[in-house]
Amino acid sequence: MALPISFDADLSDGCRNHDRRNPGRFPMDREIRFRMTNKRNELVGAGRTVNMSSKGLLIRTEQKLLTGKRLEMAISWPAQLDHKCALKLIARGKVVRAEAGTAAVSIEQYEFRTLGRSGLAV
């Protein structure tokens, strides 16, 4: 039995202002190390993740991050490979919003690596 599907949803009930970031964001409190580079210098910092989705994350950090700057990040991952090998998520992205103590970062590229001896080094 097929169910009818309507693609002509009535948006008059306020769904038009629905926050598209919300459904895919998951609370995640993990250690993060990052590196922000520009032509003259490099900022290396640390912090904690607040939440994450496949396209971005919100972090807490003491370092002042600048909107528009690129970041390389290493995030401790809660799962282990074969239940015995620690993992880290290596991600590259851009700071899309920065406020006192927090920054929202888009994720443009990512990969998982084993934690190894270098720990969370970026």
C-alpha atoms as a PDB file:
ATOM      1  CA  MET A   1       0.000   0.000   0.000  1.00  0.00           C
ATOM      2  CA  ALA A   2       1.479   3.359  -1.049  1.00  0.00           C
ATOM      3  CA  LEU A   3       1.016   6.425   1.096  1.00  0.00           C
ATOM      4  CA  PRO A   4       0.312   9.761  -0.562  1.00  0.00           C
ATOM      5  CA  ILE A   5       3.171  12.263  -0.398  1.00  0.00           C
ATOM      6  CA  SER A   6       2.539  15.958  -0.832  1.00  0.00           C
ATOM      7  CA  PHE A   7       5.344  18.239  -1.966  1.00  0.00           C
ATOM      8  CA  ASP A   8       3.082  21.301  -1.764  1.00  0.00           C
ATOM      9  CA  ALA A   9       3.375  21.805   1.995  1.00  0.00           C
ATOM     10  CA  ASP A  10       1.524  24.753   3.470  1.00  0.00           C
ATOM     11  CA  LEU A  11       4.207  27.007   4.993  1.00  0.00           C
ATOM     12  CA  SER A  12       1.751  29.383   6.579  1.00  0.00           C
ATOM     13  CA  ASP A  13       2.144  27.751  10.015  1.00  0.00           C
ATOM     14  CA  GLY A  14       5.598  29.267  10.623  1.00  0.00           C
ATOM     15  CA  CYS A  15       7.724  26.438   9.222  1.00  0.00           C
ATOM     16  CA  ARG A  16       9.219  28.959   6.837  1.00  0.00           C
ATOM     17  CA  ASN A  17      11.453  30.214   9.682  1.00  0.00           C
ATOM     18  CA  HIS A  18      12.546  26.739  10.723  1.00  0.00           C
ATOM     19  CA  ASP A  19      16.244  26.622  11.687  1.00  0.00           C
ATOM     20  CA  ARG A  20      17.799  24.251   9.160  1.00  0.00           C
ATOM     21  CA  ARG A  21      20.853  23.682  11.387  1.00  0.00           C
ATOM     22  CA  ASN A  22      18.854  22.247  14.271  1.00  0.00           C
ATOM     23  CA  PRO A  23      17.801  18.726  13.152  1.00  0.00           C
ATOM     24  CA  GLY A  24      21.290  17.498  12.286  1.00  0.00           C
ATOM     25  CA  ARG A  25      23.139  18.984  15.268  1.00  0.00           C
ATOM     26  CA  PHE A  26      24.162  16.696  18.079  1.00  0.00           C
ATOM     27  CA  PRO A  27      25.505  17.735  21.478  1.00  0.00           C
ATOM     28  CA  MET A  28      29.127  16.649  21.686  1.00  0.00           C
ATOM     29  CA  ASP A  29      31.567  17.667  24.406  1.00  0.00           C
ATOM     30  CA  ARG A  30      34.991  16.642  23.080  1.00  0.00           C
ATOM     31  CA  GLU A  31      38.522  18.030  23.216  1.00  0.00           C
ATOM     32  CA  ILE A  32      39.581  19.972  20.124  1.00  0.00           C
ATOM     33  CA  ARG A  33      42.932  21.332  18.948  1.00  0.00           C
ATOM     34  CA  PHE A  34      43.108  23.708  16.025  1.00  0.00           C
ATOM     35  CA  ARG A  35      45.458  25.738  13.889  1.00  0.00           C
ATOM     36  CA  MET A  36      44.587  28.971  12.107  1.00  0.00           C
ATOM     37  CA  THR A  37      47.189  30.242   9.689  1.00  0.00           C
ATOM     38  CA  ASN A  38      47.551  33.349   7.608  1.00  0.00           C
ATOM     39  CA  LYS A  39      50.424  34.886   5.672  1.00  0.00           C
ATOM     40  CA  ARG A  40      52.159  36.375   8.699  1.00  0.00           C
ATOM     41  CA  ASN A  41      51.539  34.082  11.632  1.00  0.00           C
ATOM     42  CA  GLU A  42      49.939  30.961  12.984  1.00  0.00           C
ATOM     43  CA  LEU A  43      47.560  30.605  15.917  1.00  0.00           C
ATOM     44  CA  VAL A  44      47.440  27.239  17.644  1.00  0.00           C
ATOM     45  CA  GLY A  45      44.694  26.720  20.184  1.00  0.00           C
ATOM     46  CA  ALA A  46      42.504  24.307  22.062  1.00  0.00           C
ATOM     47  CA  GLY A  47      38.964  24.106  23.325  1.00  0.00           C
ATOM     48  CA  ARG A  48      35.873  21.918  23.601  1.00  0.00           C
ATOM     49  CA  THR A  49      33.160  21.137  21.099  1.00  0.00           C
ATOM     50  CA  VAL A  50      29.594  22.116  22.046  1.00  0.00           C
ATOM     51  CA  ASN A  51      27.672  20.521  19.193  1.00  0.00           C
ATOM     52  CA  MET A  52      28.356  19.111  15.766  1.00  0.00           C
ATOM     53  CA  SER A  53      26.737  18.180  12.471  1.00  0.00           C
ATOM     54  CA  SER A  54      28.136  16.846   9.211  1.00  0.00           C
ATOM     55  CA  LYS A  55      28.504  20.436   7.947  1.00  0.00           C
ATOM     56  CA  GLY A  56      29.744  22.333  11.000  1.00  0.00           C
ATOM     57  CA  LEU A  57      30.445  22.594  14.697  1.00  0.00           C
ATOM     58  CA  LEU A  58      30.272  25.021  17.569  1.00  0.00           C
ATOM     59  CA  ILE A  59      33.330  25.246  19.824  1.00  0.00           C
ATOM     60  CA  ARG A  60      34.249  26.922  23.109  1.00  0.00           C
ATOM     61  CA  THR A  61      37.751  28.364  23.231  1.00  0.00           C
ATOM     62  CA  GLU A  62      39.763  31.052  24.999  1.00  0.00           C
ATOM     63  CA  GLN A  63      41.491  32.050  21.746  1.00  0.00           C
ATOM     64  CA  LYS A  64      39.966  34.804  19.646  1.00  0.00           C
ATOM     65  CA  LEU A  65      39.062  33.385  16.240  1.00  0.00           C
ATOM     66  CA  LEU A  66      38.374  35.637  13.276  1.00  0.00           C
ATOM     67  CA  THR A  67      35.354  35.196  11.032  1.00  0.00           C
ATOM     68  CA  GLY A  68      36.343  34.075   7.545  1.00  0.00           C
ATOM     69  CA  LYS A  69      39.657  32.490   8.580  1.00  0.00           C
ATOM     70  CA  ARG A  70      40.420  28.859   7.756  1.00  0.00           C
ATOM     71  CA  LEU A  71      40.994  26.299  10.505  1.00  0.00           C
ATOM     72  CA  GLU A  72      42.546  22.866  10.632  1.00  0.00           C
ATOM     73  CA  MET A  73      41.051  20.934  13.545  1.00  0.00           C
ATOM     74  CA  ALA A  74      41.696  17.675  15.381  1.00  0.00           C
ATOM     75  CA  ILE A  75      38.794  16.444  17.526  1.00  0.00           C
ATOM     76  CA  SER A  76      38.964  13.489  19.898  1.00  0.00           C
ATOM     77  CA  TRP A  77      36.373  10.977  18.715  1.00  0.00           C
ATOM     78  CA  PRO A  78      34.228   8.999  21.183  1.00  0.00           C
ATOM     79  CA  ALA A  79      34.261   5.720  19.198  1.00  0.00           C
ATOM     80  CA  GLN A  80      37.212   3.385  18.819  1.00  0.00           C
ATOM     81  CA  LEU A  81      38.378   1.366  15.841  1.00  0.00           C
ATOM     82  CA  ASP A  82      37.741  -2.330  16.572  1.00  0.00           C
ATOM     83  CA  HIS A  83      36.975  -1.346  20.195  1.00  0.00           C
ATOM     84  CA  LYS A  84      40.677  -0.824  20.939  1.00  0.00           C
ATOM     85  CA  CYS A  85      42.211   1.951  18.824  1.00  0.00           C
ATOM     86  CA  ALA A  86      41.430   5.595  19.657  1.00  0.00           C
ATOM     87  CA  LEU A  87      40.397   7.857  16.774  1.00  0.00           C
ATOM     88  CA  LYS A  88      40.479  11.544  15.961  1.00  0.00           C
ATOM     89  CA  LEU A  89      38.498  13.511  13.425  1.00  0.00           C
ATOM     90  CA  ILE A  90      40.675  15.776  11.275  1.00  0.00           C
ATOM     91  CA  ALA A  91      38.596  18.554   9.714  1.00  0.00           C
ATOM     92  CA  ARG A  92      39.225  21.661   7.669  1.00  0.00           C
ATOM     93  CA  GLY A  93      36.812  24.527   7.490  1.00  0.00           C
ATOM     94  CA  LYS A  94      36.132  28.196   7.938  1.00  0.00           C
ATOM     95  CA  VAL A  95      35.043  30.292  10.911  1.00  0.00           C
ATOM     96  CA  VAL A  96      31.547  31.509  10.022  1.00  0.00           C
ATOM     97  CA  ARG A  97      30.719  33.243  13.316  1.00  0.00           C
ATOM     98  CA  ALA A  98      32.854  34.197  16.303  1.00  0.00           C
ATOM     99  CA  GLU A  99      31.752  35.638  19.642  1.00  0.00           C
ATOM    100  CA  ALA A 100      33.418  35.909  23.038  1.00  0.00           C
ATOM    101  CA  GLY A 101      34.399  32.370  24.012  1.00  0.00           C
ATOM    102  CA  THR A 102      32.679  30.552  21.116  1.00  0.00           C
ATOM    103  CA  ALA A 103      33.011  30.083  17.379  1.00  0.00           C
ATOM    104  CA  ALA A 104      30.887  28.394  14.720  1.00  0.00           C
ATOM    105  CA  VAL A 105      32.967  26.629  12.082  1.00  0.00           C
ATOM    106  CA  SER A 106      31.854  25.139   8.770  1.00  0.00           C
ATOM    107  CA  ILE A 107      33.307  21.750   7.859  1.00  0.00           C
ATOM    108  CA  GLU A 108      34.493  21.612   4.264  1.00  0.00           C
ATOM    109  CA  GLN A 109      36.624  18.458   4.415  1.00  0.00           C
ATOM    110  CA  TYR A 110      37.163  15.735   7.010  1.00  0.00           C
ATOM    111  CA  GLU A 111      38.726  12.337   7.620  1.00  0.00           C
ATOM    112  CA  PHE A 112      39.202   9.953  10.517  1.00  0.00           C
ATOM    113  CA  ARG A 113      42.686   8.976  11.666  1.00  0.00           C
ATOM    114  CA  THR A 114      44.020   6.855  14.480  1.00  0.00           C
ATOM    115  CA  LEU A 115      45.061   8.930  17.477  1.00  0.00           C
ATOM    116  CA  GLY A 116      48.607   7.583  17.534  1.00  0.00           C
ATOM    117  CA  ARG A 117      51.554   8.976  19.473  1.00  0.00           C
ATOM    118  CA  SER A 118      51.034  12.527  18.238  1.00  0.00           C
ATOM    119  CA  GLY A 119      47.707  12.696  20.066  1.00  0.00           C
ATOM    120  CA  LEU A 120      45.502  15.540  18.878  1.00  0.00           C
ATOM    121  CA  ALA A 121      48.278  17.377  17.077  1.00  0.00           C
ATOM    122  CA  VAL A 122      46.996  19.119  13.970  1.00  0.00           C
END
